[in-house]
Amino acid sequence: MPHPLSHEAQRACLSALAQVAERVGFHVPLAQYSQVQATEVIEAVTMAYELSLREQTDPRSKPLPAWDSDRPFDDPIPF
């Protein structure tokens, strides 16, 4: 059963994606990322997802990183 992501967790995953995209360059379409760059995206988003799961199950764990509103993807998350 998939674990639903909270708004904070979704924003953490999007922030992780934005950080990698910023390093690669926003002008490069995701479909044109090299294997190394695509792996960076997968690792960054997966780590943010795993951190969100730990935060949900263990309140003593490290809090999710704050969302940086200057990054892209700051559209409201529809539900």
PDB file of N, CA and C in Angstrom:
ATOM      1  N   MET A   1       0.841  -1.175   0.000  1.00  0.00           N
ATOM      2  CA  MET A   1       0.000   0.000   0.000  1.00  0.00           C
ATOM      3  C   MET A   1       0.888   1.241   0.000  1.00  0.00           C
ATOM      4  N   PRO A   2       0.686   2.145  -0.934  1.00  0.00           N
ATOM      5  CA  PRO A   2       1.523   3.352  -0.977  1.00  0.00           C
ATOM      6  C   PRO A   2       1.230   4.259   0.215  1.00  0.00           C
ATOM      7  N   HIS A   3       2.253   4.970   0.615  1.00  0.00           N
ATOM      8  CA  HIS A   3       2.115   5.915   1.712  1.00  0.00           C
ATOM      9  C   HIS A   3       1.812   7.294   1.132  1.00  0.00           C
ATOM     10  N   PRO A   4       0.693   7.885   1.517  1.00  0.00           N
ATOM     11  CA  PRO A   4       0.400   9.224   1.001  1.00  0.00           C
ATOM     12  C   PRO A   4       1.393  10.230   1.578  1.00  0.00           C
ATOM     13  N   LEU A   5       1.806  11.140   0.757  1.00  0.00           N
ATOM     14  CA  LEU A   5       2.749  12.163   1.192  1.00  0.00           C
ATOM     15  C   LEU A   5       2.002  13.394   1.692  1.00  0.00           C
ATOM     16  N   SER A   6       2.450  13.916   2.794  1.00  0.00           N
ATOM     17  CA  SER A   6       1.894  15.167   3.306  1.00  0.00           C
ATOM     18  C   SER A   6       2.326  16.305   2.383  1.00  0.00           C
ATOM     19  N   HIS A   7       1.721  17.456   2.559  1.00  0.00           N
ATOM     20  CA  HIS A   7       2.125  18.629   1.776  1.00  0.00           C
ATOM     21  C   HIS A   7       3.603  18.916   1.989  1.00  0.00           C
ATOM     22  N   GLU A   8       4.043  18.821   3.235  1.00  0.00           N
ATOM     23  CA  GLU A   8       5.443  19.106   3.555  1.00  0.00           C
ATOM     24  C   GLU A   8       6.373  18.112   2.854  1.00  0.00           C
ATOM     25  N   ALA A   9       5.981  16.845   2.843  1.00  0.00           N
ATOM     26  CA  ALA A   9       6.800  15.829   2.189  1.00  0.00           C
ATOM     27  C   ALA A   9       6.835  16.038   0.675  1.00  0.00           C
ATOM     28  N   GLN A  10       5.703  16.385   0.087  1.00  0.00           N
ATOM     29  CA  GLN A  10       5.673  16.656  -1.352  1.00  0.00           C
ATOM     30  C   GLN A  10       6.580  17.833  -1.685  1.00  0.00           C
ATOM     31  N   ARG A  11       6.512  18.858  -0.878  1.00  0.00           N
ATOM     32  CA  ARG A  11       7.375  20.021  -1.111  1.00  0.00           C
ATOM     33  C   ARG A  11       8.847  19.663  -0.931  1.00  0.00           C
ATOM     34  N   ALA A  12       9.153  18.788   0.037  1.00  0.00           N
ATOM     35  CA  ALA A  12      10.537  18.355   0.229  1.00  0.00           C
ATOM     36  C   ALA A  12      11.036  17.597  -1.001  1.00  0.00           C
ATOM     37  N   CYS A  13      10.190  16.733  -1.574  1.00  0.00           N
ATOM     38  CA  CYS A  13      10.566  15.995  -2.776  1.00  0.00           C
ATOM     39  C   CYS A  13      10.753  16.941  -3.961  1.00  0.00           C
ATOM     40  N   LEU A  14       9.863  17.900  -4.104  1.00  0.00           N
ATOM     41  CA  LEU A  14       9.991  18.877  -5.192  1.00  0.00           C
ATOM     42  C   LEU A  14      11.231  19.751  -5.005  1.00  0.00           C
ATOM     43  N   SER A  15      11.525  20.100  -3.758  1.00  0.00           N
ATOM     44  CA  SER A  15      12.724  20.887  -3.474  1.00  0.00           C
ATOM     45  C   SER A  15      13.975  20.103  -3.849  1.00  0.00           C
ATOM     46  N   ALA A  16      13.990  18.813  -3.529  1.00  0.00           N
ATOM     47  CA  ALA A  16      15.123  17.967  -3.889  1.00  0.00           C
ATOM     48  C   ALA A  16      15.298  17.923  -5.405  1.00  0.00           C
ATOM     49  N   LEU A  17      14.195  17.786  -6.133  1.00  0.00           N
ATOM     50  CA  LEU A  17      14.242  17.793  -7.590  1.00  0.00           C
ATOM     51  C   LEU A  17      14.767  19.132  -8.103  1.00  0.00           C
ATOM     52  N   ALA A  18      14.294  20.217  -7.519  1.00  0.00           N
ATOM     53  CA  ALA A  18      14.716  21.552  -7.956  1.00  0.00           C
ATOM     54  C   ALA A  18      16.205  21.771  -7.718  1.00  0.00           C
ATOM     55  N   GLN A  19      16.728  21.255  -6.624  1.00  0.00           N
ATOM     56  CA  GLN A  19      18.158  21.423  -6.334  1.00  0.00           C
ATOM     57  C   GLN A  19      19.013  20.731  -7.389  1.00  0.00           C
ATOM     58  N   VAL A  20      18.611  19.528  -7.800  1.00  0.00           N
ATOM     59  CA  VAL A  20      19.360  18.833  -8.845  1.00  0.00           C
ATOM     60  C   VAL A  20      19.194  19.564 -10.173  1.00  0.00           C
ATOM     61  N   ALA A  21      17.973  19.961 -10.493  1.00  0.00           N
ATOM     62  CA  ALA A  21      17.721  20.670 -11.755  1.00  0.00           C
ATOM     63  C   ALA A  21      18.505  21.980 -11.814  1.00  0.00           C
ATOM     64  N   GLU A  22      18.655  22.620 -10.674  1.00  0.00           N
ATOM     65  CA  GLU A  22      19.434  23.864 -10.638  1.00  0.00           C
ATOM     66  C   GLU A  22      20.903  23.596 -10.961  1.00  0.00           C
ATOM     67  N   ARG A  23      21.443  22.493 -10.447  1.00  0.00           N
ATOM     68  CA  ARG A  23      22.844  22.146 -10.741  1.00  0.00           C
ATOM     69  C   ARG A  23      23.021  21.794 -12.214  1.00  0.00           C
ATOM     70  N   VAL A  24      22.072  21.049 -12.765  1.00  0.00           N
ATOM     71  CA  VAL A  24      22.158  20.626 -14.168  1.00  0.00           C
ATOM     72  C   VAL A  24      21.913  21.813 -15.087  1.00  0.00           C
ATOM     73  N   GLY A  25      20.944  22.623 -14.720  1.00  0.00           N
ATOM     74  CA  GLY A  25      20.528  23.756 -15.539  1.00  0.00           C
ATOM     75  C   GLY A  25      19.075  23.579 -15.924  1.00  0.00           C
ATOM     76  N   PHE A  26      18.268  24.561 -15.599  1.00  0.00           N
ATOM     77  CA  PHE A  26      16.833  24.440 -15.846  1.00  0.00           C
ATOM     78  C   PHE A  26      16.503  24.397 -17.340  1.00  0.00           C
ATOM     79  N   HIS A  27      17.450  24.800 -18.180  1.00  0.00           N
ATOM     80  CA  HIS A  27      17.211  24.780 -19.625  1.00  0.00           C
ATOM     81  C   HIS A  27      17.272  23.362 -20.208  1.00  0.00           C
ATOM     82  N   VAL A  28      17.803  22.406 -19.429  1.00  0.00           N
ATOM     83  CA  VAL A  28      17.925  21.030 -19.908  1.00  0.00           C
ATOM     84  C   VAL A  28      16.658  20.251 -19.554  1.00  0.00           C
ATOM     85  N   PRO A  29      15.929  19.767 -20.555  1.00  0.00           N
ATOM     86  CA  PRO A  29      14.733  18.969 -20.266  1.00  0.00           C
ATOM     87  C   PRO A  29      15.103  17.687 -19.521  1.00  0.00           C
ATOM     88  N   LEU A  30      14.253  17.256 -18.624  1.00  0.00           N
ATOM     89  CA  LEU A  30      14.499  16.057 -17.831  1.00  0.00           C
ATOM     90  C   LEU A  30      14.788  14.848 -18.724  1.00  0.00           C
ATOM     91  N   ALA A  31      14.124  14.761 -19.853  1.00  0.00           N
ATOM     92  CA  ALA A  31      14.332  13.635 -20.774  1.00  0.00           C
ATOM     93  C   ALA A  31      15.738  13.629 -21.380  1.00  0.00           C
ATOM     94  N   GLN A  32      16.449  14.750 -21.287  1.00  0.00           N
ATOM     95  CA  GLN A  32      17.794  14.831 -21.850  1.00  0.00           C
ATOM     96  C   GLN A  32      18.887  14.749 -20.783  1.00  0.00           C
ATOM     97  N   TYR A  33      18.516  14.464 -19.547  1.00  0.00           N
ATOM     98  CA  TYR A  33      19.517  14.293 -18.501  1.00  0.00           C
ATOM     99  C   TYR A  33      20.361  13.068 -18.822  1.00  0.00           C
ATOM    100  N   SER A  34      21.635  13.128 -18.458  1.00  0.00           N
ATOM    101  CA  SER A  34      22.486  11.953 -18.590  1.00  0.00           C
ATOM    102  C   SER A  34      22.071  10.933 -17.533  1.00  0.00           C
ATOM    103  N   GLN A  35      22.610   9.734 -17.640  1.00  0.00           N
ATOM    104  CA  GLN A  35      22.282   8.705 -16.651  1.00  0.00           C
ATOM    105  C   GLN A  35      22.719   9.157 -15.254  1.00  0.00           C
ATOM    106  N   VAL A  36      23.863   9.792 -15.147  1.00  0.00           N
ATOM    107  CA  VAL A  36      24.353  10.280 -13.855  1.00  0.00           C
ATOM    108  C   VAL A  36      23.408  11.345 -13.300  1.00  0.00           C
ATOM    109  N   GLN A  37      22.983  12.266 -14.137  1.00  0.00           N
ATOM    110  CA  GLN A  37      22.070  13.321 -13.690  1.00  0.00           C
ATOM    111  C   GLN A  37      20.718  12.748 -13.283  1.00  0.00           C
ATOM    112  N   ALA A  38      20.198  11.808 -14.063  1.00  0.00           N
ATOM    113  CA  ALA A  38      18.918  11.186 -13.722  1.00  0.00           C
ATOM    114  C   ALA A  38      19.029  10.418 -12.411  1.00  0.00           C
ATOM    115  N   THR A  39      20.157   9.770 -12.187  1.00  0.00           N
ATOM    116  CA  THR A  39      20.376   9.048 -10.937  1.00  0.00           C
ATOM    117  C   THR A  39      20.413  10.021  -9.766  1.00  0.00           C
ATOM    118  N   GLU A  40      21.012  11.190  -9.962  1.00  0.00           N
ATOM    119  CA  GLU A  40      21.010  12.221  -8.914  1.00  0.00           C
ATOM    120  C   GLU A  40      19.586  12.615  -8.540  1.00  0.00           C
ATOM    121  N   VAL A  41      18.735  12.780  -9.548  1.00  0.00           N
ATOM    122  CA  VAL A  41      17.328  13.124  -9.299  1.00  0.00           C
ATOM    123  C   VAL A  41      16.663  12.021  -8.486  1.00  0.00           C
ATOM    124  N   ILE A  42      16.829  10.787  -8.920  1.00  0.00           N
ATOM    125  CA  ILE A  42      16.200   9.657  -8.231  1.00  0.00           C
ATOM    126  C   ILE A  42      16.673   9.581  -6.785  1.00  0.00           C
ATOM    127  N   GLU A  43      17.976   9.704  -6.572  1.00  0.00           N
ATOM    128  CA  GLU A  43      18.519   9.626  -5.213  1.00  0.00           C
ATOM    129  C   GLU A  43      18.014  10.774  -4.340  1.00  0.00           C
ATOM    130  N   ALA A  44      17.998  11.987  -4.878  1.00  0.00           N
ATOM    131  CA  ALA A  44      17.569  13.146  -4.097  1.00  0.00           C
ATOM    132  C   ALA A  44      16.099  13.040  -3.696  1.00  0.00           C
ATOM    133  N   VAL A  45      15.254  12.669  -4.646  1.00  0.00           N
ATOM    134  CA  VAL A  45      13.824  12.561  -4.363  1.00  0.00           C
ATOM    135  C   VAL A  45      13.551  11.377  -3.432  1.00  0.00           C
ATOM    136  N   THR A  46      14.239  10.272  -3.643  1.00  0.00           N
ATOM    137  CA  THR A  46      14.062   9.106  -2.779  1.00  0.00           C
ATOM    138  C   THR A  46      14.483   9.418  -1.349  1.00  0.00           C
ATOM    139  N   MET A  47      15.595  10.116  -1.183  1.00  0.00           N
ATOM    140  CA  MET A  47      16.035  10.473   0.166  1.00  0.00           C
ATOM    141  C   MET A  47      15.029  11.395   0.839  1.00  0.00           C
ATOM    142  N   ALA A  48      14.476  12.353   0.101  1.00  0.00           N
ATOM    143  CA  ALA A  48      13.459  13.245   0.668  1.00  0.00           C
ATOM    144  C   ALA A  48      12.209  12.456   1.042  1.00  0.00           C
ATOM    145  N   TYR A  49      11.824  11.486   0.214  1.00  0.00           N
ATOM    146  CA  TYR A  49      10.667  10.642   0.492  1.00  0.00           C
ATOM    147  C   TYR A  49      10.897   9.802   1.748  1.00  0.00           C
ATOM    148  N   GLU A  50      12.068   9.170   1.828  1.00  0.00           N
ATOM    149  CA  GLU A  50      12.379   8.344   2.988  1.00  0.00           C
ATOM    150  C   GLU A  50      12.422   9.176   4.272  1.00  0.00           C
ATOM    151  N   LEU A  51      12.978  10.360   4.197  1.00  0.00           N
ATOM    152  CA  LEU A  51      13.002  11.246   5.350  1.00  0.00           C
ATOM    153  C   LEU A  51      11.582  11.600   5.781  1.00  0.00           C
ATOM    154  N   SER A  52      10.696  11.814   4.815  1.00  0.00           N
ATOM    155  CA  SER A  52       9.304  12.142   5.153  1.00  0.00           C
ATOM    156  C   SER A  52       8.621  10.966   5.843  1.00  0.00           C
ATOM    157  N   LEU A  53       8.922   9.737   5.396  1.00  0.00           N
ATOM    158  CA  LEU A  53       8.345   8.562   6.050  1.00  0.00           C
ATOM    159  C   LEU A  53       8.851   8.440   7.478  1.00  0.00           C
ATOM    160  N   ARG A  54      10.149   8.663   7.680  1.00  0.00           N
ATOM    161  CA  ARG A  54      10.693   8.610   9.037  1.00  0.00           C
ATOM    162  C   ARG A  54      10.052   9.669   9.919  1.00  0.00           C
ATOM    163  N   GLU A  55       9.857  10.850   9.365  1.00  0.00           N
ATOM    164  CA  GLU A  55       9.240  11.948  10.119  1.00  0.00           C
ATOM    165  C   GLU A  55       7.810  11.581  10.512  1.00  0.00           C
ATOM    166  N   GLN A  56       7.086  10.925   9.622  1.00  0.00           N
ATOM    167  CA  GLN A  56       5.702  10.538   9.910  1.00  0.00           C
ATOM    168  C   GLN A  56       5.625   9.455  10.981  1.00  0.00           C
ATOM    169  N   THR A  57       6.596   8.537  10.982  1.00  0.00           N
ATOM    170  CA  THR A  57       6.528   7.406  11.911  1.00  0.00           C
ATOM    171  C   THR A  57       7.291   7.652  13.203  1.00  0.00           C
ATOM    172  N   ASP A  58       8.269   8.552  13.195  1.00  0.00           N
ATOM    173  CA  ASP A  58       9.074   8.823  14.389  1.00  0.00           C
ATOM    174  C   ASP A  58       9.218  10.328  14.553  1.00  0.00           C
ATOM    175  N   PRO A  59       8.377  10.933  15.379  1.00  0.00           N
ATOM    176  CA  PRO A  59       8.408  12.387  15.535  1.00  0.00           C
ATOM    177  C   PRO A  59       9.738  12.919  16.055  1.00  0.00           C
ATOM    178  N   ARG A  60      10.580  12.055  16.625  1.00  0.00           N
ATOM    179  CA  ARG A  60      11.887  12.498  17.123  1.00  0.00           C
ATOM    180  C   ARG A  60      12.915  12.623  16.009  1.00  0.00           C
ATOM    181  N   SER A  61      12.585  12.152  14.816  1.00  0.00           N
ATOM    182  CA  SER A  61      13.544  12.184  13.713  1.00  0.00           C
ATOM    183  C   SER A  61      13.745  13.617  13.226  1.00  0.00           C
ATOM    184  N   LYS A  62      14.731  13.770  12.406  1.00  0.00           N
ATOM    185  CA  LYS A  62      15.089  15.079  11.854  1.00  0.00           C
ATOM    186  C   LYS A  62      13.917  15.648  11.068  1.00  0.00           C
ATOM    187  N   PRO A  63      13.566  16.932  11.282  1.00  0.00           N
ATOM    188  CA  PRO A  63      12.445  17.515  10.531  1.00  0.00           C
ATOM    189  C   PRO A  63      12.769  17.660   9.049  1.00  0.00           C
ATOM    190  N   LEU A  64      11.718  17.725   8.245  1.00  0.00           N
ATOM    191  CA  LEU A  64      11.886  17.914   6.806  1.00  0.00           C
ATOM    192  C   LEU A  64      12.516  19.273   6.528  1.00  0.00           C
ATOM    193  N   PRO A  65      13.322  19.371   5.472  1.00  0.00           N
ATOM    194  CA  PRO A  65      13.900  20.660   5.128  1.00  0.00           C
ATOM    195  C   PRO A  65      12.816  21.677   4.788  1.00  0.00           C
ATOM    196  N   ALA A  66      13.085  22.918   5.112  1.00  0.00           N
ATOM    197  CA  ALA A  66      12.119  23.983   4.817  1.00  0.00           C
ATOM    198  C   ALA A  66      12.019  24.171   3.313  1.00  0.00           C
ATOM    199  N   TRP A  67      10.838  24.515   2.855  1.00  0.00           N
ATOM    200  CA  TRP A  67      10.607  24.774   1.440  1.00  0.00           C
ATOM    201  C   TRP A  67      11.121  26.156   1.103  1.00  0.00           C
ATOM    202  N   ASP A  68      11.893  26.254   0.052  1.00  0.00           N
ATOM    203  CA  ASP A  68      12.444  27.530  -0.406  1.00  0.00           C
ATOM    204  C   ASP A  68      11.535  28.052  -1.502  1.00  0.00           C
ATOM    205  N   SER A  69      10.791  29.097  -1.205  1.00  0.00           N
ATOM    206  CA  SER A  69       9.790  29.587  -2.160  1.00  0.00           C
ATOM    207  C   SER A  69      10.409  30.242  -3.384  1.00  0.00           C
ATOM    208  N   ASP A  70      11.728  30.473  -3.385  1.00  0.00           N
ATOM    209  CA  ASP A  70      12.373  31.044  -4.563  1.00  0.00           C
ATOM    210  C   ASP A  70      12.644  29.994  -5.636  1.00  0.00           C
ATOM    211  N   ARG A  71      12.456  28.760  -5.298  1.00  0.00           N
ATOM    212  CA  ARG A  71      12.697  27.684  -6.260  1.00  0.00           C
ATOM    213  C   ARG A  71      11.436  27.489  -7.116  1.00  0.00           C
ATOM    214  N   PRO A  72      11.612  26.842  -8.263  1.00  0.00           N
ATOM    215  CA  PRO A  72      10.422  26.545  -9.076  1.00  0.00           C
ATOM    216  C   PRO A  72       9.552  25.513  -8.386  1.00  0.00           C
ATOM    217  N   PHE A  73       8.477  25.181  -8.973  1.00  0.00           N
ATOM    218  CA  PHE A  73       7.527  24.200  -8.477  1.00  0.00           C
ATOM    219  C   PHE A  73       6.795  24.718  -7.238  1.00  0.00           C
ATOM    220  N   ASP A  74       6.632  26.025  -7.102  1.00  0.00           N
ATOM    221  CA  ASP A  74       5.979  26.524  -5.901  1.00  0.00           C
ATOM    222  C   ASP A  74       4.471  26.686  -6.104  1.00  0.00           C
ATOM    223  N   ASP A  75       3.942  26.090  -7.157  1.00  0.00           N
ATOM    224  CA  ASP A  75       2.506  26.101  -7.362  1.00  0.00           C
ATOM    225  C   ASP A  75       1.850  25.330  -6.211  1.00  0.00           C
ATOM    226  N   PRO A  76       0.649  25.698  -5.845  1.00  0.00           N
ATOM    227  CA  PRO A  76      -0.027  24.925  -4.803  1.00  0.00           C
ATOM    228  C   PRO A  76      -0.218  23.481  -5.251  1.00  0.00           C
ATOM    229  N   ILE A  77      -0.146  22.576  -4.314  1.00  0.00           N
ATOM    230  CA  ILE A  77      -0.317  21.164  -4.610  1.00  0.00           C
ATOM    231  C   ILE A  77      -1.799  20.839  -4.539  1.00  0.00           C
ATOM    232  N   PRO A  78      -2.404  20.427  -5.661  1.00  0.00           N
ATOM    233  CA  PRO A  78      -3.855  20.162  -5.653  1.00  0.00           C
ATOM    234  C   PRO A  78      -4.173  18.857  -4.935  1.00  0.00           C
ATOM    235  N   PHE A  79      -5.308  18.866  -4.279  1.00  0.00           N
ATOM    236  CA  PHE A  79      -5.818  17.641  -3.639  1.00  0.00           C
ATOM    237  C   PHE A  79      -7.273  17.485  -3.933  1.00  0.00           C
TER     238      PHE A  79
END
